[in-house]
Amino acid sequence: MIDFPKLTQEKLLQRLTHPKRKVRMVLDTDTFNEIDDQFAVVYAMKSPEQLQVEAFYAAPFHNKLSTGPKDGMEKSYEELLKIRSHLPEMSGVPIYRGSESYLPGPETPADSEAARNLVERAMASPDDDPLYVVAIGAITNVASAILMEPRIIGKIVVVWLGGHALNWPTAKEFNLFQDLHASRIVLNSGVPLVLIPCLGVSSHLLTTLSEVRDYVKDKGSVGAYLYETFENCAKDHAGYSRVIWDMSAIAYLIEGAWLPNELVHSPLLSEDFRWSFDASRHFIRYVHYIQRDKVFQDLFRKLG
């Protein structure tokens, strides 16, 4: 059993306090999986006053858009390159391939250049300036890095879009259930974690083709690309809205007040993807609501 380094309660609570300053971050993303990752990537790069994006990591995913986690990761890597072709701000930011598989066991990392880079980047971080690891896909790359070098627990803060609200009947959400071992590592290891659930929380981030047409489409090459991806995600947009889930993790770092949150004991995740609770466990920060309008207003302003 891996002996993860344990932060003091004081240090953990300090790390779980919103930074209220510009932070260094990396973005771990299954970019090809849905259209929301593209919005999140652009939102992060259009927020240089609050975020210094140091690297992008392509995360694995497996659904109807990929033949397996390796294919999903490769497609996400290629999608990041495509976004970069529309977004000059990305030109100097490195993009790394992530895991080609999910964790093969509860304590076995899935090696990748992304995980190795995260270890290197985290260990180089000053003790008073943690690296923020924003994860908007399966948490495989991040969990692998923690397993490869547990000391990064003292060097990073993870902001993860994963699972559903803690009062939801099930925690079985796409990012979380793809890699149960990785999800448990992040919940159990004691790494400072900001958990942003999907259903019940990020599900507030709805928008429509009409709104994207009015406020995104004409904002340069990248605006046209975002509009095109949104238009192509449904055959009929009459009465249709889409959740741009992944922007929530970026928005949290930009302005914590837009995402009301609280300290809770890190939940336990069962084999059948249900939450349970133990008040003796370490704290995490849990987001329980999102002010949808504030987030979209900020994105639209920055695109303009």
Protein backbone atom coordinates (compact mmCIF):
# COMPACT_ATOMS: atom_id res chain seq x y z
CA MET A 1 0.00 0.00 0.00
CA ILE A 2 1.37 3.39 -1.00
CA ASP A 3 2.24 5.70 1.87
CA PHE A 4 1.07 9.06 0.59
CA PRO A 5 2.60 12.11 2.28
CA LYS A 6 0.06 13.71 4.59
CA LEU A 7 -0.31 17.47 4.65
CA THR A 8 -0.98 19.07 8.01
CA GLN A 9 -4.56 20.22 8.44
CA GLU A 10 -3.33 23.82 8.40
CA LYS A 11 -1.47 23.34 5.11
CA LEU A 12 -4.37 21.45 3.52
CA LEU A 13 -6.91 24.14 4.45
CA GLN A 14 -4.53 26.81 3.19
CA ARG A 15 -4.28 25.04 -0.17
CA LEU A 16 -8.06 24.63 -0.32
CA THR A 17 -8.59 28.38 0.12
CA HIS A 18 -9.26 30.17 -3.15
CA PRO A 19 -5.97 31.76 -4.28
CA LYS A 20 -7.49 35.17 -5.15
CA ARG A 21 -4.48 35.88 -7.37
CA LYS A 22 -3.00 34.88 -10.70
CA VAL A 23 -2.00 31.20 -10.63
CA ARG A 24 0.14 28.86 -12.69
CA MET A 25 -1.91 26.00 -14.11
CA VAL A 26 -1.89 23.03 -16.46
CA LEU A 27 -5.03 21.79 -18.21
CA ASP A 28 -5.72 18.06 -18.53
CA THR A 29 -8.44 17.60 -21.13
CA ASP A 30 -10.23 14.97 -23.23
CA THR A 31 -10.61 17.68 -25.85
CA PHE A 32 -12.23 15.64 -28.62
CA ASN A 33 -14.88 14.07 -26.41
CA GLU A 34 -17.41 16.93 -26.41
CA ILE A 35 -17.58 20.57 -27.43
CA ASP A 36 -17.18 21.94 -23.91
CA ASP A 37 -13.42 21.28 -23.70
CA GLN A 38 -12.84 23.63 -26.63
CA PHE A 39 -14.66 26.40 -24.78
CA ALA A 40 -12.63 25.69 -21.62
CA VAL A 41 -9.31 25.80 -23.48
CA VAL A 42 -10.20 29.11 -25.10
CA TYR A 43 -11.55 30.55 -21.83
CA ALA A 44 -8.30 29.68 -20.03
CA MET A 45 -6.12 31.21 -22.75
CA LYS A 46 -8.28 34.35 -22.89
CA SER A 47 -7.78 34.91 -19.13
CA PRO A 48 -4.08 35.86 -18.86
CA GLU A 49 -4.73 38.27 -16.00
CA GLN A 50 -5.86 35.39 -13.80
CA LEU A 51 -4.23 32.29 -15.31
CA GLN A 52 -0.77 31.42 -16.57
CA VAL A 53 -1.33 28.25 -18.59
CA GLU A 54 1.95 26.28 -18.64
CA ALA A 55 0.95 23.08 -20.46
CA PHE A 56 -1.89 21.04 -21.92
CA TYR A 57 -2.26 17.30 -21.36
CA ALA A 58 -4.40 15.10 -23.60
CA ALA A 59 -6.56 12.75 -21.51
CA PRO A 60 -7.83 9.33 -22.58
CA PHE A 61 -11.51 8.67 -23.20
CA HIS A 62 -13.61 5.88 -24.67
CA ASN A 63 -17.11 6.32 -26.09
CA LYS A 64 -18.71 6.34 -29.53
CA LEU A 65 -16.19 8.95 -30.67
CA SER A 66 -13.17 6.72 -30.04
CA THR A 67 -12.21 3.07 -30.43
CA GLY A 68 -10.57 3.02 -26.99
CA PRO A 69 -8.76 5.23 -24.47
CA LYS A 70 -5.59 5.43 -26.60
CA ASP A 71 -7.56 6.57 -29.65
CA GLY A 72 -9.49 9.06 -27.53
CA MET A 73 -6.26 10.49 -26.14
CA GLU A 74 -4.72 10.79 -29.63
CA LYS A 75 -7.84 12.51 -30.97
CA SER A 76 -7.76 14.89 -28.00
CA TYR A 77 -4.10 15.66 -28.72
CA GLU A 78 -4.93 16.41 -32.35
CA GLU A 79 -7.89 18.57 -31.29
CA LEU A 80 -5.60 20.65 -29.07
CA LEU A 81 -3.35 21.22 -32.07
CA LYS A 82 -6.39 22.25 -34.11
CA ILE A 83 -7.50 24.77 -31.49
CA ARG A 84 -3.95 26.15 -31.41
CA SER A 85 -4.19 26.83 -35.14
CA HIS A 86 -7.11 29.17 -34.39
CA LEU A 87 -5.73 30.69 -31.18
CA PRO A 88 -2.37 32.50 -31.37
CA GLU A 89 -2.18 32.69 -27.55
CA MET A 90 -1.54 28.92 -27.47
CA SER A 91 1.55 29.06 -29.68
CA GLY A 92 4.09 28.93 -26.86
CA VAL A 93 2.27 26.44 -24.63
CA PRO A 94 3.46 22.81 -24.90
CA ILE A 95 0.97 20.01 -25.52
CA TYR A 96 1.69 16.51 -24.19
CA ARG A 97 0.19 13.14 -24.98
CA GLY A 98 -1.40 11.44 -21.99
CA SER A 99 -2.09 7.85 -21.00
CA GLU A 100 -2.93 5.26 -23.63
CA SER A 101 -4.90 3.23 -21.07
CA TYR A 102 -6.64 3.67 -17.75
CA LEU A 103 -4.85 2.63 -14.55
CA PRO A 104 -4.23 -1.14 -14.74
CA GLY A 105 -4.56 -1.49 -10.96
CA PRO A 106 -5.32 0.52 -7.82
CA GLU A 107 -1.66 1.45 -7.27
CA THR A 108 -0.19 1.14 -10.77
CA PRO A 109 0.31 4.30 -12.86
CA ALA A 110 -0.27 4.49 -16.60
CA ASP A 111 2.97 6.02 -17.84
CA SER A 112 2.80 8.93 -20.28
CA GLU A 113 4.70 12.05 -21.23
CA ALA A 114 1.90 14.08 -19.65
CA ALA A 115 2.25 12.33 -16.28
CA ARG A 116 6.03 12.65 -16.36
CA ASN A 117 5.80 16.34 -17.26
CA LEU A 118 3.33 16.93 -14.44
CA VAL A 119 5.73 15.34 -11.95
CA GLU A 120 8.64 17.44 -13.22
CA ARG A 121 6.63 20.66 -13.30
CA ALA A 122 5.07 20.09 -9.89
CA MET A 123 8.34 19.20 -8.17
CA ALA A 124 9.90 22.39 -9.54
CA SER A 125 7.14 24.50 -7.97
CA PRO A 126 8.06 26.58 -4.92
CA ASP A 127 6.43 25.45 -1.70
CA ASP A 128 4.53 28.74 -1.47
CA ASP A 129 3.34 28.69 -5.09
CA PRO A 130 1.51 25.41 -5.87
CA LEU A 131 0.77 24.35 -9.42
CA TYR A 132 -2.97 24.22 -10.14
CA VAL A 133 -3.87 21.07 -12.06
CA VAL A 134 -7.20 21.62 -13.79
CA ALA A 135 -8.67 18.32 -14.96
CA ILE A 136 -11.76 18.16 -17.16
CA GLY A 137 -11.66 14.51 -18.23
CA ALA A 138 -10.82 11.12 -16.79
CA ILE A 139 -8.30 11.77 -14.01
CA THR A 140 -5.85 9.09 -15.24
CA ASN A 141 -2.89 11.35 -16.05
CA VAL A 142 -3.10 13.16 -12.71
CA ALA A 143 -3.50 9.99 -10.63
CA SER A 144 -0.60 8.41 -12.52
CA ALA A 145 1.63 11.37 -11.66
CA ILE A 146 0.67 11.08 -7.98
CA LEU A 147 1.51 7.36 -8.02
CA MET A 148 4.81 7.97 -9.83
CA GLU A 149 5.89 10.67 -7.36
CA PRO A 150 3.64 10.97 -4.28
CA ARG A 151 5.55 14.05 -3.09
CA ILE A 152 3.70 16.17 -5.64
CA ILE A 153 0.76 16.06 -3.22
CA GLY A 154 2.57 18.87 -1.39
CA LYS A 155 3.14 20.83 -4.59
CA ILE A 156 -0.22 20.90 -6.41
CA VAL A 157 -3.91 21.71 -6.08
CA VAL A 158 -6.24 19.63 -8.26
CA VAL A 159 -9.42 21.25 -9.63
CA TRP A 160 -11.47 18.40 -11.09
CA LEU A 161 -14.78 18.27 -12.92
CA GLY A 162 -15.86 14.80 -11.88
CA GLY A 163 -18.79 12.82 -10.51
CA HIS A 164 -22.26 14.14 -9.77
CA ALA A 165 -23.47 16.17 -6.80
CA LEU A 166 -22.93 14.44 -3.47
CA ASN A 167 -26.71 14.21 -2.94
CA TRP A 168 -27.24 12.62 -6.37
CA PRO A 169 -28.48 9.00 -6.46
CA THR A 170 -25.29 7.98 -8.29
CA ALA A 171 -21.76 9.33 -8.74
CA LYS A 172 -21.51 7.59 -12.13
CA GLU A 173 -20.45 10.40 -14.42
CA PHE A 174 -18.29 10.03 -17.55
CA ASN A 175 -15.05 11.57 -16.24
CA LEU A 176 -15.26 9.63 -12.97
CA PHE A 177 -16.46 6.18 -14.02
CA GLN A 178 -14.00 5.68 -16.88
CA ASP A 179 -11.16 5.11 -14.42
CA LEU A 180 -12.35 4.02 -10.99
CA HIS A 181 -8.80 3.43 -9.72
CA ALA A 182 -7.68 6.93 -10.74
CA SER A 183 -10.79 8.56 -9.27
CA ARG A 184 -10.18 6.82 -5.96
CA ILE A 185 -6.52 7.86 -5.92
CA VAL A 186 -7.47 11.53 -6.22
CA LEU A 187 -10.21 11.22 -3.58
CA ASN A 188 -8.19 9.08 -1.15
CA SER A 189 -4.60 10.29 -1.43
CA GLY A 190 -5.06 13.55 0.46
CA VAL A 191 -4.03 15.72 -2.47
CA PRO A 192 -5.66 19.18 -2.15
CA LEU A 193 -8.79 18.78 -4.27
CA VAL A 194 -11.51 21.13 -5.48
CA LEU A 195 -14.34 18.88 -6.68
CA ILE A 196 -16.82 20.33 -9.17
CA PRO A 197 -19.70 17.90 -9.84
CA CYS A 198 -21.55 17.60 -13.12
CA LEU A 199 -25.28 16.90 -12.63
CA GLY A 200 -26.66 19.26 -10.02
CA VAL A 201 -23.84 21.80 -10.32
CA SER A 202 -22.04 22.26 -13.66
CA SER A 203 -25.30 21.37 -15.36
CA HIS A 204 -26.27 25.03 -14.83
CA LEU A 205 -23.86 26.06 -17.60
CA LEU A 206 -26.38 25.86 -20.44
CA THR A 207 -26.21 27.90 -23.61
CA THR A 208 -27.84 27.83 -27.03
CA LEU A 209 -26.83 28.19 -30.67
CA SER A 210 -28.52 31.59 -30.77
CA GLU A 211 -26.44 32.89 -27.87
CA VAL A 212 -23.22 31.49 -29.33
CA ARG A 213 -24.12 33.07 -32.69
CA ASP A 214 -24.65 36.48 -31.07
CA TYR A 215 -21.61 36.57 -28.77
CA VAL A 216 -19.03 34.07 -30.06
CA LYS A 217 -19.31 33.46 -33.79
CA ASP A 218 -17.84 36.77 -34.99
CA LYS A 219 -14.97 36.89 -32.47
CA GLY A 220 -12.19 35.93 -34.86
CA SER A 221 -11.07 32.55 -36.12
CA VAL A 222 -11.46 30.83 -32.76
CA GLY A 223 -14.97 32.25 -32.30
CA ALA A 224 -15.98 30.89 -35.69
CA TYR A 225 -14.52 27.51 -34.74
CA LEU A 226 -16.41 27.39 -31.44
CA TYR A 227 -19.62 28.30 -33.24
CA GLU A 228 -19.04 25.61 -35.87
CA THR A 229 -18.48 22.92 -33.23
CA PHE A 230 -21.63 23.99 -31.39
CA GLU A 231 -23.70 24.06 -34.57
CA ASN A 232 -22.53 20.56 -35.52
CA CYS A 233 -23.33 19.00 -32.13
CA ALA A 234 -27.08 18.72 -32.86
CA LYS A 235 -29.21 18.23 -35.96
CA ASP A 236 -32.03 20.43 -34.67
CA HIS A 237 -31.32 23.45 -32.45
CA ALA A 238 -34.96 24.49 -31.98
CA GLY A 239 -35.54 24.56 -28.23
CA TYR A 240 -32.14 22.91 -27.74
CA SER A 241 -29.55 23.91 -25.16
CA ARG A 242 -26.17 22.38 -24.39
CA VAL A 243 -24.16 22.23 -21.16
CA ILE A 244 -20.64 23.63 -21.45
CA TRP A 245 -19.56 21.69 -18.35
CA ASP A 246 -15.81 22.16 -18.54
CA MET A 247 -15.81 25.94 -18.28
CA SER A 248 -16.70 25.54 -14.61
CA ALA A 249 -13.19 24.44 -13.62
CA ILE A 250 -11.65 27.45 -15.35
CA ALA A 251 -14.25 29.80 -13.89
CA TYR A 252 -13.48 28.61 -10.33
CA LEU A 253 -9.91 29.88 -10.58
CA ILE A 254 -10.97 33.13 -12.22
CA GLU A 255 -13.54 34.07 -9.58
CA GLY A 256 -14.38 31.71 -6.74
CA ALA A 257 -17.44 33.74 -5.74
CA TRP A 258 -19.18 32.62 -8.94
CA LEU A 259 -19.01 29.03 -7.71
CA PRO A 260 -20.32 28.90 -4.12
CA ASN A 261 -18.49 26.16 -2.26
CA GLU A 262 -17.75 24.61 1.10
CA LEU A 263 -15.30 22.33 2.88
CA VAL A 264 -16.49 18.71 3.14
CA HIS A 265 -14.82 15.46 4.09
CA SER A 266 -13.60 13.68 0.98
CA PRO A 267 -16.33 11.21 -0.04
CA LEU A 268 -15.77 7.49 -0.44
CA LEU A 269 -16.46 6.04 -3.88
CA SER A 270 -17.94 2.53 -4.00
CA GLU A 271 -17.46 -0.14 -6.67
CA ASP A 272 -20.96 0.62 -7.97
CA PHE A 273 -20.22 4.36 -8.16
CA ARG A 274 -22.08 5.65 -5.14
CA TRP A 275 -20.95 8.25 -2.65
CA SER A 276 -20.64 7.49 1.05
CA PHE A 277 -19.24 9.61 3.85
CA ASP A 278 -16.81 9.34 6.76
CA ALA A 279 -16.22 12.38 8.95
CA SER A 280 -12.73 11.17 9.86
CA ARG A 281 -11.46 11.69 6.31
CA HIS A 282 -9.49 14.69 5.06
CA PHE A 283 -11.18 17.81 3.73
CA ILE A 284 -11.71 18.78 0.11
CA ARG A 285 -13.42 21.87 -1.30
CA TYR A 286 -16.76 21.07 -2.87
CA VAL A 287 -18.59 23.36 -5.29
CA HIS A 288 -22.38 23.22 -4.88
CA TYR A 289 -23.65 25.88 -7.29
CA ILE A 290 -22.55 27.96 -10.31
CA GLN A 291 -23.68 31.46 -11.22
CA ARG A 292 -24.15 30.66 -14.87
CA ASP A 293 -24.61 34.21 -16.16
CA LYS A 294 -21.41 35.50 -14.55
CA VAL A 295 -19.35 32.79 -16.25
CA PHE A 296 -20.76 33.30 -19.74
CA GLN A 297 -20.64 37.10 -19.43
CA ASP A 298 -16.94 36.82 -18.58
CA LEU A 299 -16.23 34.53 -21.53
CA PHE A 300 -18.11 36.71 -24.00
CA ARG A 301 -16.35 39.85 -22.75
CA LYS A 302 -12.93 38.25 -23.11
CA LEU A 303 -13.66 36.98 -26.60
CA GLY A 304 -14.70 40.47 -27.60
